[in-house]
Amino acid sequence: MSKLRNRKTTIIILLAIGLVLAALGGAGWYVWDTHTVRTVYVEGNVHYTQDEIIDMVMKGRLGHNSLYLAMKYKNRGMEDIPFLDAMDVKVLAPDTIKITVYEKALAGYVKYMDTYVYFDKDGYVVESSSVPTAGIPQVTGLEFDYIVLGQPLPVKKEYEEVFGTILNLTKLLNKYELSADRIYFHSNSQITLYFGDAKVALGDETARLEDKLMCLPKILPGLEGKSGILQMETYNEKGEYTFKPD
């Protein structure tokens, strides 16, 4: 009798284990099926396209599971990918995720031989690329003989203070939706912006940069196709500046 009872107990235990495993398997399949990503939103990307960011994130065996991606990319640092500081994935719906890209704070770039070299607000070389990045201005006028990744740009001493100004300029250009072709720093601390053939002489009043730049969206359309210098060396409260044709 005891053997029969033990056999029944064993069968019951095995059935219970089987039911639990089946339930877990069913739950796992449900989660896998309902959390398969079908819609992706990407924000914060400048250097990389939306498709490139998606390809970076949604790779591997579980690369299309929203729960897995949310856990894997929770404010994850991206030390192995150029130009990226971190990425974050949030689940908006079981089949929908939002990828937020945090790119490195690049102040500008210089062209060295055939390479575009990007630096931060402190002048440290952050990345290099064979193609320029939209939204980041080229900086000219700085003199150097070599470049080392991770090290400051070896500029002359008189230029060492310009990197914070460059980052401030970059932010202001983006704020007022201005796309300068390049920024030129003169040895006497004067700053000139290039918009096609039109040049904007900002002078050296770095404290009034925003006051001057906020006027440009109204002025630049009238200078399209013209060649010359818009003289903004001194701040004008009325926003009236002289354009001197070449």
C-alpha atoms as a PDB file:
ATOM      1  CA  MET A   1       0.000   0.000   0.000  1.00  0.00           C
ATOM      2  CA  SER A   2       2.824   2.390   0.919  1.00  0.00           C
ATOM      3  CA  LYS A   3       4.502   1.768  -2.444  1.00  0.00           C
ATOM      4  CA  LEU A   4       1.262   2.598  -4.265  1.00  0.00           C
ATOM      5  CA  ARG A   5       0.849   5.751  -2.197  1.00  0.00           C
ATOM      6  CA  ASN A   6       4.427   6.826  -2.915  1.00  0.00           C
ATOM      7  CA  ARG A   7       3.911   6.192  -6.628  1.00  0.00           C
ATOM      8  CA  LYS A   8       0.744   8.329  -6.633  1.00  0.00           C
ATOM      9  CA  THR A   9       2.566  11.073  -4.732  1.00  0.00           C
ATOM     10  CA  THR A  10       5.411  10.985  -7.251  1.00  0.00           C
ATOM     11  CA  ILE A  11       2.963  11.160 -10.163  1.00  0.00           C
ATOM     12  CA  ILE A  12       1.169  14.097  -8.551  1.00  0.00           C
ATOM     13  CA  ILE A  13       4.473  15.912  -7.987  1.00  0.00           C
ATOM     14  CA  LEU A  14       5.570  15.279 -11.568  1.00  0.00           C
ATOM     15  CA  LEU A  15       2.202  16.484 -12.864  1.00  0.00           C
ATOM     16  CA  ALA A  16       2.464  19.603 -10.708  1.00  0.00           C
ATOM     17  CA  ILE A  17       5.984  20.275 -11.973  1.00  0.00           C
ATOM     18  CA  GLY A  18       4.798  19.697 -15.544  1.00  0.00           C
ATOM     19  CA  LEU A  19       1.905  22.136 -15.063  1.00  0.00           C
ATOM     20  CA  VAL A  20       4.228  24.747 -13.565  1.00  0.00           C
ATOM     21  CA  LEU A  21       6.709  24.343 -16.420  1.00  0.00           C
ATOM     22  CA  ALA A  22       3.902  24.538 -18.966  1.00  0.00           C
ATOM     23  CA  ALA A  23       2.544  27.672 -17.287  1.00  0.00           C
ATOM     24  CA  LEU A  24       5.992  29.240 -17.230  1.00  0.00           C
ATOM     25  CA  GLY A  25       6.550  28.272 -20.844  1.00  0.00           C
ATOM     26  CA  GLY A  26       3.173  29.709 -21.833  1.00  0.00           C
ATOM     27  CA  ALA A  27       3.852  32.905 -19.892  1.00  0.00           C
ATOM     28  CA  GLY A  28       7.304  33.135 -21.456  1.00  0.00           C
ATOM     29  CA  TRP A  29       5.885  32.682 -24.937  1.00  0.00           C
ATOM     30  CA  TYR A  30       3.196  35.292 -24.232  1.00  0.00           C
ATOM     31  CA  VAL A  31       5.780  37.798 -23.028  1.00  0.00           C
ATOM     32  CA  TRP A  32       8.032  37.015 -25.973  1.00  0.00           C
ATOM     33  CA  ASP A  33       5.203  37.358 -28.495  1.00  0.00           C
ATOM     34  CA  THR A  34       3.544  40.468 -27.036  1.00  0.00           C
ATOM     35  CA  HIS A  35       6.864  42.249 -26.365  1.00  0.00           C
ATOM     36  CA  THR A  36       8.282  41.804 -29.836  1.00  0.00           C
ATOM     37  CA  VAL A  37       9.232  45.292 -31.011  1.00  0.00           C
ATOM     38  CA  ARG A  38       7.331  46.526 -34.048  1.00  0.00           C
ATOM     39  CA  THR A  39       7.559  50.303 -33.604  1.00  0.00           C
ATOM     40  CA  VAL A  40      10.688  52.273 -32.686  1.00  0.00           C
ATOM     41  CA  TYR A  41      11.124  55.986 -31.981  1.00  0.00           C
ATOM     42  CA  VAL A  42      14.611  57.528 -31.882  1.00  0.00           C
ATOM     43  CA  GLU A  43      15.491  60.940 -30.482  1.00  0.00           C
ATOM     44  CA  GLY A  44      18.674  62.853 -29.723  1.00  0.00           C
ATOM     45  CA  ASN A  45      20.681  61.439 -32.632  1.00  0.00           C
ATOM     46  CA  VAL A  46      22.700  63.797 -34.844  1.00  0.00           C
ATOM     47  CA  HIS A  47      25.769  61.962 -36.057  1.00  0.00           C
ATOM     48  CA  TYR A  48      24.003  58.639 -36.696  1.00  0.00           C
ATOM     49  CA  THR A  49      20.786  58.080 -38.634  1.00  0.00           C
ATOM     50  CA  GLN A  50      17.706  56.520 -37.055  1.00  0.00           C
ATOM     51  CA  ASP A  51      18.302  53.238 -38.909  1.00  0.00           C
ATOM     52  CA  GLU A  52      21.930  53.121 -37.727  1.00  0.00           C
ATOM     53  CA  ILE A  53      20.856  53.603 -34.098  1.00  0.00           C
ATOM     54  CA  ILE A  54      18.192  50.886 -34.419  1.00  0.00           C
ATOM     55  CA  ASP A  55      20.751  48.485 -35.898  1.00  0.00           C
ATOM     56  CA  MET A  56      23.110  49.181 -32.980  1.00  0.00           C
ATOM     57  CA  VAL A  57      20.453  48.536 -30.329  1.00  0.00           C
ATOM     58  CA  MET A  58      18.307  45.767 -31.789  1.00  0.00           C
ATOM     59  CA  LYS A  59      20.922  43.124 -32.401  1.00  0.00           C
ATOM     60  CA  GLY A  60      21.488  39.645 -31.000  1.00  0.00           C
ATOM     61  CA  ARG A  61      19.115  36.822 -30.125  1.00  0.00           C
ATOM     62  CA  LEU A  62      16.888  38.971 -27.871  1.00  0.00           C
ATOM     63  CA  GLY A  63      17.363  42.156 -29.840  1.00  0.00           C
ATOM     64  CA  HIS A  64      13.668  42.474 -30.698  1.00  0.00           C
ATOM     65  CA  ASN A  65      12.297  42.009 -27.161  1.00  0.00           C
ATOM     66  CA  SER A  66      11.269  45.302 -25.590  1.00  0.00           C
ATOM     67  CA  LEU A  67      11.730  44.165 -21.969  1.00  0.00           C
ATOM     68  CA  TYR A  68      15.218  42.858 -22.648  1.00  0.00           C
ATOM     69  CA  LEU A  69      16.239  46.045 -24.450  1.00  0.00           C
ATOM     70  CA  ALA A  70      14.861  48.247 -21.657  1.00  0.00           C
ATOM     71  CA  MET A  71      16.960  46.362 -19.099  1.00  0.00           C
ATOM     72  CA  LYS A  72      20.073  46.242 -21.284  1.00  0.00           C
ATOM     73  CA  TYR A  73      20.001  49.913 -22.265  1.00  0.00           C
ATOM     74  CA  LYS A  74      19.012  51.677 -19.055  1.00  0.00           C
ATOM     75  CA  ASN A  75      21.267  54.749 -19.232  1.00  0.00           C
ATOM     76  CA  ARG A  76      23.998  52.547 -20.647  1.00  0.00           C
ATOM     77  CA  GLY A  77      27.341  54.127 -21.437  1.00  0.00           C
ATOM     78  CA  MET A  78      28.534  53.644 -25.015  1.00  0.00           C
ATOM     79  CA  GLU A  79      32.303  53.770 -24.701  1.00  0.00           C
ATOM     80  CA  ASP A  80      32.807  51.471 -27.671  1.00  0.00           C
ATOM     81  CA  ILE A  81      30.856  53.573 -30.208  1.00  0.00           C
ATOM     82  CA  PRO A  82      32.311  56.852 -31.522  1.00  0.00           C
ATOM     83  CA  PHE A  83      30.371  60.079 -30.843  1.00  0.00           C
ATOM     84  CA  LEU A  84      27.952  58.379 -28.405  1.00  0.00           C
ATOM     85  CA  ASP A  85      28.022  58.965 -24.663  1.00  0.00           C
ATOM     86  CA  ALA A  86      25.004  56.875 -23.603  1.00  0.00           C
ATOM     87  CA  MET A  87      21.690  55.415 -24.796  1.00  0.00           C
ATOM     88  CA  ASP A  88      18.463  54.697 -22.977  1.00  0.00           C
ATOM     89  CA  VAL A  89      15.539  52.479 -24.059  1.00  0.00           C
ATOM     90  CA  LYS A  90      12.038  52.915 -22.623  1.00  0.00           C
ATOM     91  CA  VAL A  91       9.010  50.706 -23.284  1.00  0.00           C
ATOM     92  CA  LEU A  92       6.076  52.855 -24.438  1.00  0.00           C
ATOM     93  CA  ALA A  93       3.897  49.816 -25.151  1.00  0.00           C
ATOM     94  CA  PRO A  94       4.693  46.079 -25.244  1.00  0.00           C
ATOM     95  CA  ASP A  95       5.590  46.341 -28.944  1.00  0.00           C
ATOM     96  CA  THR A  96       6.846  49.964 -28.950  1.00  0.00           C
ATOM     97  CA  ILE A  97      10.094  51.426 -27.625  1.00  0.00           C
ATOM     98  CA  LYS A  98      11.772  54.831 -27.564  1.00  0.00           C
ATOM     99  CA  ILE A  99      15.552  55.029 -27.914  1.00  0.00           C
ATOM    100  CA  THR A 100      17.055  58.200 -26.453  1.00  0.00           C
ATOM    101  CA  VAL A 101      20.547  58.954 -27.719  1.00  0.00           C
ATOM    102  CA  TYR A 102      23.001  61.054 -25.728  1.00  0.00           C
ATOM    103  CA  GLU A 103      25.818  62.149 -27.981  1.00  0.00           C
ATOM    104  CA  LYS A 104      29.097  63.558 -26.749  1.00  0.00           C
ATOM    105  CA  ALA A 105      29.106  67.339 -26.284  1.00  0.00           C
ATOM    106  CA  LEU A 106      31.171  68.327 -29.286  1.00  0.00           C
ATOM    107  CA  ALA A 107      32.171  71.973 -29.559  1.00  0.00           C
ATOM    108  CA  GLY A 108      33.471  71.827 -33.122  1.00  0.00           C
ATOM    109  CA  TYR A 109      35.879  70.149 -35.467  1.00  0.00           C
ATOM    110  CA  VAL A 110      39.098  70.946 -37.267  1.00  0.00           C
ATOM    111  CA  LYS A 111      40.260  69.416 -40.503  1.00  0.00           C
ATOM    112  CA  TYR A 112      43.622  67.716 -40.136  1.00  0.00           C
ATOM    113  CA  MET A 113      45.002  66.304 -43.378  1.00  0.00           C
ATOM    114  CA  ASP A 114      41.993  64.322 -44.772  1.00  0.00           C
ATOM    115  CA  THR A 115      40.349  63.715 -41.387  1.00  0.00           C
ATOM    116  CA  TYR A 116      37.699  65.637 -39.454  1.00  0.00           C
ATOM    117  CA  VAL A 117      38.790  65.828 -35.831  1.00  0.00           C
ATOM    118  CA  TYR A 118      36.166  66.670 -33.170  1.00  0.00           C
ATOM    119  CA  PHE A 119      36.894  68.256 -29.804  1.00  0.00           C
ATOM    120  CA  ASP A 120      34.918  69.101 -26.642  1.00  0.00           C
ATOM    121  CA  LYS A 121      34.508  72.345 -24.684  1.00  0.00           C
ATOM    122  CA  ASP A 122      37.900  71.890 -23.037  1.00  0.00           C
ATOM    123  CA  GLY A 123      39.668  71.345 -26.339  1.00  0.00           C
ATOM    124  CA  TYR A 124      40.173  67.600 -25.866  1.00  0.00           C
ATOM    125  CA  VAL A 125      40.102  65.515 -29.033  1.00  0.00           C
ATOM    126  CA  VAL A 126      37.042  63.264 -28.703  1.00  0.00           C
ATOM    127  CA  GLU A 127      36.612  61.532 -32.062  1.00  0.00           C
ATOM    128  CA  SER A 128      37.764  61.563 -35.657  1.00  0.00           C
ATOM    129  CA  SER A 129      35.864  60.757 -38.822  1.00  0.00           C
ATOM    130  CA  SER A 130      36.283  60.709 -42.577  1.00  0.00           C
ATOM    131  CA  VAL A 131      33.056  62.716 -43.016  1.00  0.00           C
ATOM    132  CA  PRO A 132      31.821  65.944 -41.363  1.00  0.00           C
ATOM    133  CA  THR A 133      28.827  65.908 -39.015  1.00  0.00           C
ATOM    134  CA  ALA A 134      25.849  68.180 -39.636  1.00  0.00           C
ATOM    135  CA  GLY A 135      25.198  70.748 -36.929  1.00  0.00           C
ATOM    136  CA  ILE A 136      28.801  70.934 -35.729  1.00  0.00           C
ATOM    137  CA  PRO A 137      30.811  73.851 -37.153  1.00  0.00           C
ATOM    138  CA  GLN A 138      34.282  73.705 -38.599  1.00  0.00           C
ATOM    139  CA  VAL A 139      36.745  75.821 -36.650  1.00  0.00           C
ATOM    140  CA  THR A 140      39.622  77.485 -38.484  1.00  0.00           C
ATOM    141  CA  GLY A 141      42.410  79.805 -37.437  1.00  0.00           C
ATOM    142  CA  LEU A 142      43.796  77.451 -34.781  1.00  0.00           C
ATOM    143  CA  GLU A 143      47.368  76.364 -35.424  1.00  0.00           C
ATOM    144  CA  PHE A 144      48.742  72.936 -34.437  1.00  0.00           C
ATOM    145  CA  ASP A 145      51.297  70.437 -35.727  1.00  0.00           C
ATOM    146  CA  TYR A 146      49.869  67.126 -34.491  1.00  0.00           C
ATOM    147  CA  ILE A 147      46.723  65.598 -32.941  1.00  0.00           C
ATOM    148  CA  VAL A 148      46.356  62.807 -30.365  1.00  0.00           C
ATOM    149  CA  LEU A 149      42.971  61.238 -29.539  1.00  0.00           C
ATOM    150  CA  GLY A 150      42.044  61.901 -25.913  1.00  0.00           C
ATOM    151  CA  GLN A 151      44.541  64.739 -25.578  1.00  0.00           C
ATOM    152  CA  PRO A 152      43.973  68.519 -25.849  1.00  0.00           C
ATOM    153  CA  LEU A 153      44.448  70.114 -29.244  1.00  0.00           C
ATOM    154  CA  PRO A 154      48.050  71.382 -29.138  1.00  0.00           C
ATOM    155  CA  VAL A 155      47.193  74.976 -30.018  1.00  0.00           C
ATOM    156  CA  LYS A 156      49.237  78.048 -29.239  1.00  0.00           C
ATOM    157  CA  LYS A 157      48.770  79.531 -25.782  1.00  0.00           C
ATOM    158  CA  GLU A 158      46.747  82.503 -27.022  1.00  0.00           C
ATOM    159  CA  TYR A 159      44.054  80.079 -28.285  1.00  0.00           C
ATOM    160  CA  GLU A 160      43.731  77.963 -25.115  1.00  0.00           C
ATOM    161  CA  GLU A 161      40.737  79.950 -23.822  1.00  0.00           C
ATOM    162  CA  VAL A 162      38.648  79.710 -26.989  1.00  0.00           C
ATOM    163  CA  PHE A 163      37.180  76.222 -26.535  1.00  0.00           C
ATOM    164  CA  GLY A 164      34.471  77.302 -24.084  1.00  0.00           C
ATOM    165  CA  THR A 165      33.587  80.122 -26.484  1.00  0.00           C
ATOM    166  CA  ILE A 166      33.356  77.630 -29.348  1.00  0.00           C
ATOM    167  CA  LEU A 167      30.902  75.406 -27.434  1.00  0.00           C
ATOM    168  CA  ASN A 168      28.836  78.451 -26.450  1.00  0.00           C
ATOM    169  CA  LEU A 169      28.782  79.554 -30.086  1.00  0.00           C
ATOM    170  CA  THR A 170      27.720  76.088 -31.238  1.00  0.00           C
ATOM    171  CA  LYS A 171      24.827  76.012 -28.748  1.00  0.00           C
ATOM    172  CA  LEU A 172      23.683  79.498 -29.744  1.00  0.00           C
ATOM    173  CA  LEU A 173      23.839  78.678 -33.457  1.00  0.00           C
ATOM    174  CA  ASN A 174      21.636  75.638 -32.835  1.00  0.00           C
ATOM    175  CA  LYS A 175      19.294  77.641 -30.588  1.00  0.00           C
ATOM    176  CA  TYR A 176      18.638  80.208 -33.309  1.00  0.00           C
ATOM    177  CA  GLU A 177      18.671  77.602 -36.100  1.00  0.00           C
ATOM    178  CA  LEU A 178      21.730  79.117 -37.746  1.00  0.00           C
ATOM    179  CA  SER A 179      23.970  76.908 -39.868  1.00  0.00           C
ATOM    180  CA  ALA A 180      27.414  78.469 -40.082  1.00  0.00           C
ATOM    181  CA  ASP A 181      29.850  76.899 -42.531  1.00  0.00           C
ATOM    182  CA  ARG A 182      32.748  77.641 -40.262  1.00  0.00           C
ATOM    183  CA  ILE A 183      34.028  79.730 -37.369  1.00  0.00           C
ATOM    184  CA  TYR A 184      37.291  81.614 -37.760  1.00  0.00           C
ATOM    185  CA  PHE A 185      39.318  82.694 -34.729  1.00  0.00           C
ATOM    186  CA  HIS A 186      41.782  85.486 -35.353  1.00  0.00           C
ATOM    187  CA  SER A 187      44.999  85.752 -33.367  1.00  0.00           C
ATOM    188  CA  ASN A 188      43.668  88.993 -31.782  1.00  0.00           C
ATOM    189  CA  SER A 189      40.609  87.124 -30.342  1.00  0.00           C
ATOM    190  CA  GLN A 190      38.261  88.425 -33.033  1.00  0.00           C
ATOM    191  CA  ILE A 191      35.606  85.950 -34.244  1.00  0.00           C
ATOM    192  CA  THR A 192      34.201  85.650 -37.762  1.00  0.00           C
ATOM    193  CA  LEU A 193      31.348  83.394 -38.866  1.00  0.00           C
ATOM    194  CA  TYR A 194      30.994  82.260 -42.476  1.00  0.00           C
ATOM    195  CA  PHE A 195      27.606  81.779 -44.111  1.00  0.00           C
ATOM    196  CA  GLY A 196      28.346  81.023 -47.747  1.00  0.00           C
ATOM    197  CA  ASP A 197      30.045  84.104 -49.195  1.00  0.00           C
ATOM    198  CA  ALA A 198      28.747  86.315 -46.402  1.00  0.00           C
ATOM    199  CA  LYS A 199      30.962  86.835 -43.372  1.00  0.00           C
ATOM    200  CA  VAL A 200      29.784  87.998 -39.952  1.00  0.00           C
ATOM    201  CA  ALA A 201      32.416  89.832 -37.910  1.00  0.00           C
ATOM    202  CA  LEU A 202      31.471  89.331 -34.236  1.00  0.00           C
ATOM    203  CA  GLY A 203      34.498  91.045 -32.753  1.00  0.00           C
ATOM    204  CA  ASP A 204      35.757  89.910 -29.363  1.00  0.00           C
ATOM    205  CA  GLU A 205      32.742  90.785 -27.173  1.00  0.00           C
ATOM    206  CA  THR A 206      32.089  87.211 -26.054  1.00  0.00           C
ATOM    207  CA  ALA A 207      29.714  88.412 -23.323  1.00  0.00           C
ATOM    208  CA  ARG A 208      27.319  89.795 -25.959  1.00  0.00           C
ATOM    209  CA  LEU A 209      27.396  86.863 -28.377  1.00  0.00           C
ATOM    210  CA  GLU A 210      23.776  85.856 -27.850  1.00  0.00           C
ATOM    211  CA  ASP A 211      22.568  89.433 -28.186  1.00  0.00           C
ATOM    212  CA  LYS A 212      24.238  89.571 -31.595  1.00  0.00           C
ATOM    213  CA  LEU A 213      23.340  86.103 -32.835  1.00  0.00           C
ATOM    214  CA  MET A 214      19.649  86.479 -32.028  1.00  0.00           C
ATOM    215  CA  CYS A 215      19.536  89.209 -34.696  1.00  0.00           C
ATOM    216  CA  LEU A 216      20.959  87.032 -37.465  1.00  0.00           C
ATOM    217  CA  PRO A 217      17.811  85.032 -38.384  1.00  0.00           C
ATOM    218  CA  LYS A 218      16.248  88.316 -39.560  1.00  0.00           C
ATOM    219  CA  ILE A 219      19.390  89.657 -41.255  1.00  0.00           C
ATOM    220  CA  LEU A 220      20.855  86.636 -43.086  1.00  0.00           C
ATOM    221  CA  PRO A 221      17.980  86.037 -45.559  1.00  0.00           C
ATOM    222  CA  GLY A 222      18.683  89.468 -47.022  1.00  0.00           C
ATOM    223  CA  LEU A 223      22.350  88.584 -47.500  1.00  0.00           C
ATOM    224  CA  GLU A 224      21.755  85.372 -49.438  1.00  0.00           C
ATOM    225  CA  GLY A 225      23.886  85.312 -52.573  1.00  0.00           C
ATOM    226  CA  LYS A 226      25.874  88.353 -51.470  1.00  0.00           C
ATOM    227  CA  SER A 227      29.582  88.499 -50.736  1.00  0.00           C
ATOM    228  CA  GLY A 228      30.890  90.764 -48.015  1.00  0.00           C
ATOM    229  CA  ILE A 229      31.133  91.386 -44.266  1.00  0.00           C
ATOM    230  CA  LEU A 230      28.345  92.084 -41.800  1.00  0.00           C
ATOM    231  CA  GLN A 231      29.998  94.278 -39.203  1.00  0.00           C
ATOM    232  CA  MET A 232      28.789  93.229 -35.740  1.00  0.00           C
ATOM    233  CA  GLU A 233      31.947  93.911 -33.754  1.00  0.00           C
ATOM    234  CA  THR A 234      30.055  96.226 -31.414  1.00  0.00           C
ATOM    235  CA  TYR A 235      26.617  95.388 -30.000  1.00  0.00           C
ATOM    236  CA  ASN A 236      23.809  97.557 -31.348  1.00  0.00           C
ATOM    237  CA  GLU A 237      20.654  97.677 -29.204  1.00  0.00           C
ATOM    238  CA  LYS A 238      18.535  98.392 -32.291  1.00  0.00           C
ATOM    239  CA  GLY A 239      19.959  95.389 -34.104  1.00  0.00           C
ATOM    240  CA  GLU A 240      21.030  97.543 -37.021  1.00  0.00           C
ATOM    241  CA  TYR A 241      24.360  96.548 -38.531  1.00  0.00           C
ATOM    242  CA  THR A 242      26.289  97.582 -41.632  1.00  0.00           C
ATOM    243  CA  PHE A 243      26.990  95.128 -44.449  1.00  0.00           C
ATOM    244  CA  LYS A 244      30.129  95.941 -46.404  1.00  0.00           C
ATOM    245  CA  PRO A 245      30.188  94.251 -49.856  1.00  0.00           C
ATOM    246  CA  ASP A 246      33.481  92.819 -51.089  1.00  0.00           C
END
